N, C-alpha and C. Protein backbone atom coordinates (compact mmCIF):
# COMPACT_ATOMS: atom_id res chain seq x y z
N HIS A 1 162.27 65.00 121.62
CA HIS A 1 162.31 65.48 122.48
C HIS A 1 164.36 67.22 122.64
N LEU A 2 164.10 68.03 123.23
CA LEU A 2 164.79 68.64 123.29
C LEU A 2 166.51 68.60 123.93
N LEU A 3 165.73 67.32 124.32
CA LEU A 3 167.28 66.93 124.74
C LEU A 3 168.72 66.23 124.34
N PRO A 4 167.72 65.23 123.32
CA PRO A 4 168.43 64.14 122.22
C PRO A 4 168.94 65.78 121.73
N MET A 5 168.68 66.19 120.78
CA MET A 5 168.39 67.06 119.64
C MET A 5 170.17 68.32 120.22
N ALA A 6 169.36 68.61 121.79
CA ALA A 6 170.65 69.36 122.23
C ALA A 6 171.84 68.49 123.01
N ARG A 7 172.56 67.65 123.08
CA ARG A 7 173.23 66.38 123.47
C ARG A 7 174.05 65.90 121.88
N ARG A 8 173.15 65.82 121.13
CA ARG A 8 173.92 65.58 119.68
C ARG A 8 174.97 66.68 119.09
N ARG A 9 173.93 68.38 119.76
CA ARG A 9 175.01 69.37 119.33
C ARG A 9 175.79 69.62 120.49
N TRP A 10 175.61 69.63 121.64
CA TRP A 10 176.18 70.10 122.20
C TRP A 10 177.07 69.16 123.80
N GLY A 11 177.05 67.86 123.40
CA GLY A 11 177.69 66.71 124.23
C GLY A 11 176.84 66.40 125.34
N LYS A 12 177.70 66.43 126.50
CA LYS A 12 176.83 65.89 127.66
C LYS A 12 176.39 67.03 128.78
N VAL A 13 176.63 68.12 127.83
CA VAL A 13 176.20 69.82 129.08
C VAL A 13 174.63 69.56 129.35
N LYS A 14 174.74 70.25 130.83
CA LYS A 14 173.49 69.77 131.15
C LYS A 14 172.40 71.54 130.34
N ILE A 15 171.00 70.99 130.51
CA ILE A 15 170.41 71.14 129.21
C ILE A 15 169.43 72.09 130.63
N PHE A 16 169.18 73.76 130.99
CA PHE A 16 168.04 74.06 131.54
C PHE A 16 166.89 75.21 131.16
N GLY A 17 166.26 75.36 131.36
CA GLY A 17 164.87 76.30 130.90
C GLY A 17 165.37 77.19 131.65
N LEU A 18 165.11 78.73 131.22
CA LEU A 18 164.84 79.62 132.02
C LEU A 18 163.65 80.75 131.68
N GLY A 19 162.72 80.60 132.68
CA GLY A 19 161.36 81.60 132.44
C GLY A 19 161.37 83.04 133.29
N GLU A 20 161.20 83.27 132.95
CA GLU A 20 160.90 84.94 133.89
C GLU A 20 159.54 85.61 133.86
N SER A 21 158.68 85.60 134.67
CA SER A 21 157.50 86.11 135.06
C SER A 21 156.38 85.09 133.95
N MET A 22 154.79 85.30 132.98
CA MET A 22 154.65 84.62 132.47
C MET A 22 155.13 83.40 132.07
N GLY A 23 156.78 83.74 131.45
CA GLY A 23 157.51 82.90 130.17
C GLY A 23 157.36 81.46 132.15
N GLY A 24 158.10 82.04 132.90
CA GLY A 24 158.07 81.26 134.03
C GLY A 24 157.38 80.31 134.49
N GLY A 25 156.09 80.78 134.44
CA GLY A 25 154.38 80.02 134.86
C GLY A 25 154.35 79.46 133.20
N VAL A 26 154.57 79.40 131.82
CA VAL A 26 154.85 78.33 130.65
C VAL A 26 155.45 77.67 131.13
N LEU A 27 156.76 77.71 131.49
CA LEU A 27 157.33 76.57 131.78
C LEU A 27 157.60 75.84 132.80
N TYR A 28 156.95 76.63 133.58
CA TYR A 28 156.57 75.05 134.76
C TYR A 28 155.38 75.05 134.19
N SER A 29 153.98 74.94 133.85
CA SER A 29 153.55 73.91 133.18
C SER A 29 153.67 73.12 132.15
N LEU A 30 154.61 73.55 131.21
CA LEU A 30 155.22 72.27 131.07
C LEU A 30 156.24 71.38 131.36
N LEU A 31 156.56 71.99 132.43
CA LEU A 31 157.68 71.10 133.27
C LEU A 31 156.37 69.75 134.37
N ILE A 32 155.12 70.36 133.97
CA ILE A 32 154.66 69.46 134.94
C ILE A 32 154.21 68.39 134.24
N LYS A 33 153.76 68.56 132.69
CA LYS A 33 153.80 67.46 131.38
C LYS A 33 154.97 67.35 131.27
N GLU A 34 155.85 68.17 130.90
CA GLU A 34 157.04 67.24 130.45
C GLU A 34 158.77 67.26 131.32
N LYS A 35 158.58 65.98 132.90
CA LYS A 35 159.24 66.06 133.58
C LYS A 35 160.60 66.05 132.86
N ASP A 36 160.53 65.59 131.53
CA ASP A 36 162.18 64.95 131.27
C ASP A 36 162.30 66.53 130.09
N LEU A 37 162.19 67.57 130.19
CA LEU A 37 162.13 68.66 129.08
C LEU A 37 163.61 69.25 128.89
N PHE A 38 163.89 69.05 130.84
CA PHE A 38 165.51 70.08 130.78
C PHE A 38 165.73 69.12 131.89
N ASP A 39 167.01 69.31 132.15
CA ASP A 39 167.44 68.83 133.38
C ASP A 39 167.29 69.86 134.41
N GLY A 40 166.86 70.98 133.99
CA GLY A 40 166.81 71.91 135.51
C GLY A 40 165.91 72.71 134.75
N ALA A 41 165.79 73.53 135.90
CA ALA A 41 164.82 75.28 135.14
C ALA A 41 165.00 76.05 136.21
N VAL A 42 165.50 77.39 135.56
CA VAL A 42 165.85 78.76 136.65
C VAL A 42 164.15 79.42 136.49
N LEU A 43 162.99 79.13 137.77
CA LEU A 43 161.80 80.13 137.82
C LEU A 43 162.05 81.68 138.19
N VAL A 44 162.27 82.50 137.17
CA VAL A 44 162.71 83.76 137.98
C VAL A 44 161.31 84.76 138.10
N CYS A 45 160.51 84.97 139.68
CA CYS A 45 159.25 85.08 139.80
C CYS A 45 158.18 84.96 138.79
N PRO A 46 158.02 83.47 138.44
CA PRO A 46 156.94 83.26 137.72
C PRO A 46 155.89 83.58 137.94
N MET A 47 155.23 83.70 137.62
CA MET A 47 153.10 84.17 137.83
C MET A 47 152.67 82.17 137.38
N LEU A 48 152.44 82.34 138.13
CA LEU A 48 151.56 81.00 138.85
C LEU A 48 149.98 80.78 139.08
N TYR A 49 150.29 82.31 139.27
CA TYR A 49 148.24 81.98 139.85
C TYR A 49 148.25 83.87 139.25
N VAL A 50 146.99 84.19 138.97
CA VAL A 50 146.65 85.60 139.00
C VAL A 50 145.00 85.51 139.48
N SER A 51 145.23 87.11 140.52
CA SER A 51 143.91 86.91 141.42
C SER A 51 142.61 86.84 140.84
N ARG A 52 142.14 86.86 141.02
CA ARG A 52 140.37 87.11 140.06
C ARG A 52 140.24 88.67 140.57
N ASP A 53 140.81 89.01 141.46
CA ASP A 53 140.20 90.40 142.10
C ASP A 53 141.29 91.45 140.50
N LEU A 54 142.36 90.54 139.86
CA LEU A 54 142.77 91.47 138.87
C LEU A 54 141.78 91.19 137.17
N PHE A 55 141.11 90.27 137.20
CA PHE A 55 140.26 89.87 136.08
C PHE A 55 139.89 91.08 135.89
N PRO A 56 139.50 92.00 134.78
CA PRO A 56 138.64 92.86 133.82
C PRO A 56 136.73 91.93 134.10
N PRO A 57 135.71 92.96 134.13
CA PRO A 57 134.82 92.24 134.16
C PRO A 57 134.33 91.27 133.69
N TRP A 58 133.50 90.15 134.13
CA TRP A 58 133.49 88.92 132.99
C TRP A 58 132.85 89.17 131.90
N VAL A 59 131.83 90.05 131.18
CA VAL A 59 131.02 90.52 130.28
C VAL A 59 132.80 91.13 129.30
N VAL A 60 133.46 92.00 129.67
CA VAL A 60 134.55 91.76 128.98
C VAL A 60 135.72 90.72 129.14
N LEU A 61 135.78 90.15 129.64
CA LEU A 61 136.36 88.27 129.27
C LEU A 61 135.73 87.98 128.08
N GLN A 62 134.51 88.27 127.96
CA GLN A 62 133.17 87.15 127.22
C GLN A 62 133.89 87.75 125.80
N ILE A 63 133.77 88.73 125.66
CA ILE A 63 134.23 89.63 124.04
C ILE A 63 135.69 88.90 123.87
N PHE A 64 136.23 89.43 124.72
CA PHE A 64 137.77 88.84 124.21
C PHE A 64 137.85 87.64 123.86
N LYS A 65 137.32 86.79 124.77
CA LYS A 65 137.40 85.64 124.63
C LYS A 65 136.76 84.64 122.82
N HIS A 66 135.64 85.43 122.80
CA HIS A 66 134.42 84.91 121.58
C HIS A 66 134.12 85.43 120.02
N ILE A 67 134.86 86.73 120.48
CA ILE A 67 134.12 87.85 119.26
C ILE A 67 136.13 88.64 119.00
N LEU A 68 136.31 88.91 119.49
CA LEU A 68 137.90 89.70 119.15
C LEU A 68 138.87 89.45 119.19
N VAL A 69 139.34 87.95 119.55
CA VAL A 69 140.20 87.08 118.74
C VAL A 69 139.88 86.37 118.19
N ARG A 70 138.48 86.37 117.56
CA ARG A 70 138.50 85.67 115.98
C ARG A 70 138.42 86.59 115.26
N LEU A 71 138.15 87.57 115.68
CA LEU A 71 138.10 88.93 114.29
C LEU A 71 139.68 89.16 114.28
N LEU A 72 140.20 89.60 114.95
CA LEU A 72 141.54 90.32 114.73
C LEU A 72 142.02 89.45 115.96
N PRO A 73 142.94 88.06 115.65
CA PRO A 73 144.10 86.96 116.72
C PRO A 73 145.59 87.69 116.60
N LEU A 74 145.10 88.50 115.95
CA LEU A 74 147.14 88.99 115.90
C LEU A 74 147.25 90.29 116.26
N TRP A 75 145.66 91.25 116.19
CA TRP A 75 146.16 92.19 117.05
C TRP A 75 146.94 93.02 118.05
N PRO A 76 147.61 93.69 118.50
CA PRO A 76 148.62 93.80 119.45
C PRO A 76 147.46 94.62 120.68
N ILE A 77 146.67 93.54 120.97
CA ILE A 77 146.25 94.74 122.68
C ILE A 77 147.04 95.31 123.89
N ALA A 78 147.29 95.82 124.31
CA ALA A 78 148.23 96.35 125.23
C ALA A 78 147.25 97.57 126.01
N PRO A 79 146.73 95.92 127.43
CA PRO A 79 146.22 96.66 127.86
C PRO A 79 146.95 97.54 129.47
N ASN A 80 147.79 97.53 129.23
CA ASN A 80 148.74 98.16 130.07
C ASN A 80 149.77 98.86 129.61
N LYS A 81 149.98 100.59 130.03
CA LYS A 81 151.18 100.80 129.99
C LYS A 81 152.76 101.18 130.04
N ASP A 82 153.69 101.39 129.25
CA ASP A 82 154.70 100.95 129.37
C ASP A 82 155.45 101.15 131.14
N ILE A 83 156.34 100.05 130.94
CA ILE A 83 156.22 100.23 132.77
C ILE A 83 157.64 100.32 132.81
N SER A 84 158.61 100.23 131.81
CA SER A 84 159.49 99.82 131.29
C SER A 84 160.84 100.64 132.36
N GLU A 85 160.61 101.74 132.54
CA GLU A 85 161.01 103.33 133.13
C GLU A 85 161.03 102.87 134.98
N PHE A 86 159.97 102.23 135.32
CA PHE A 86 160.09 101.83 136.46
C PHE A 86 160.20 100.11 136.74
N ILE A 87 161.37 99.59 136.18
CA ILE A 87 162.01 98.55 135.96
C ILE A 87 162.49 98.78 137.39
N PHE A 88 163.61 99.02 136.86
CA PHE A 88 164.81 99.70 138.00
C PHE A 88 164.34 101.03 138.40
N GLU A 89 165.43 101.22 139.54
CA GLU A 89 165.61 102.43 140.53
C GLU A 89 166.72 103.27 139.52
N ASP A 90 167.24 102.67 139.71
CA ASP A 90 169.00 103.04 139.13
C ASP A 90 169.42 103.03 137.98
N PRO A 91 169.54 104.26 138.07
CA PRO A 91 169.91 105.06 136.32
C PRO A 91 170.98 104.05 135.50
N GLU A 92 172.40 103.95 136.29
CA GLU A 92 173.11 102.81 136.02
C GLU A 92 172.77 101.59 135.34
N MET A 93 171.91 100.71 136.70
CA MET A 93 170.99 99.56 136.38
C MET A 93 170.32 100.25 134.72
N HIS A 94 169.79 100.54 133.95
CA HIS A 94 168.69 101.43 133.07
C HIS A 94 170.57 100.40 131.62
N LYS A 95 170.76 101.87 132.36
CA LYS A 95 172.45 101.38 131.63
C LYS A 95 172.73 100.29 130.93
N PHE A 96 172.97 99.31 131.72
CA PHE A 96 173.19 98.55 131.67
C PHE A 96 172.77 97.56 131.02
N VAL A 97 171.39 97.61 131.22
CA VAL A 97 170.35 96.20 130.64
C VAL A 97 170.34 97.20 129.10
N ASP A 98 170.15 98.64 128.53
CA ASP A 98 169.82 98.87 127.89
C ASP A 98 171.63 98.41 126.97
N ASN A 99 172.34 97.79 127.03
CA ASN A 99 173.51 98.61 126.21
C ASN A 99 174.12 96.87 126.70
N ALA A 100 173.73 96.12 126.92
CA ALA A 100 174.20 94.45 127.33
C ALA A 100 173.74 94.15 126.62
N PRO A 101 175.03 93.52 124.87
CA PRO A 101 174.53 92.71 124.22
C PRO A 101 173.83 91.51 124.28
N TYR A 102 174.08 90.73 125.47
CA TYR A 102 173.65 89.46 125.34
C TYR A 102 171.53 89.36 126.16
N HIS A 103 171.77 91.33 126.65
CA HIS A 103 170.26 90.77 127.44
C HIS A 103 169.12 91.40 125.79
N LYS A 104 169.93 92.08 125.63
CA LYS A 104 169.31 92.69 123.67
C LYS A 104 168.14 91.98 122.88
N ASN A 105 168.94 90.22 123.17
CA ASN A 105 168.22 89.60 122.43
C ASN A 105 166.72 88.64 123.34
N LEU A 106 166.91 89.30 124.83
CA LEU A 106 166.14 88.89 125.69
C LEU A 106 165.07 90.02 125.41
N LEU A 107 165.38 90.41 125.30
CA LEU A 107 163.77 91.63 125.58
C LEU A 107 163.60 91.66 123.88
N SER A 108 162.19 92.51 123.80
CA SER A 108 161.31 92.52 123.47
C SER A 108 160.51 94.22 123.09
N ASN A 109 160.74 94.75 122.42
CA ASN A 109 159.71 96.05 122.07
C ASN A 109 158.27 95.42 121.67
N ALA A 110 158.02 94.54 121.66
CA ALA A 110 156.25 94.35 121.52
C ALA A 110 155.59 94.59 122.55
N PRO A 111 154.49 95.41 122.69
CA PRO A 111 153.32 95.31 123.15
C PRO A 111 152.99 93.94 123.37
N PRO A 112 152.72 93.73 125.24
CA PRO A 112 151.66 92.26 125.37
C PRO A 112 150.66 91.98 124.95
N ARG A 113 150.46 90.31 124.72
CA ARG A 113 149.16 90.75 123.59
C ARG A 113 147.95 90.00 124.62
N LEU A 114 147.17 89.99 124.79
CA LEU A 114 145.83 89.39 125.28
C LEU A 114 145.56 88.06 124.58
C-alpha cells in the first residue's frame, strides 16, 4: 500500500490524493475500492458520470472498442480540439499557470486518448 511506504519516508504526515476532472473520477473509483489508500482526498470537478447524450453513435463505440483499440492501442486519438485557451478568461491567469514551476509538473501537452 501507499501509506506504509509514505510513512517510512515522511513519518506521520497526512497523505492526500488529488484528482481533477477525469482524474477525480479515477481517484473516487479507487477510494471506493480501497478506502485506506489515502488519509483524505481532494476532488476538483470530478467526472463521475458521462451523459449518454454525449456518447458517439453505438456503431462508432463498437469500432473503437473492438477494432481500433486492438490495432492501435497507443495511438493518440484526440477527439476534441485544444481548449486550453478557453480555460481562463483572464490573460494574467494564463501567464501565471504557464510560468508556475510547480504547475508545469502537473500539465501534459499530450492529447487525450480514448
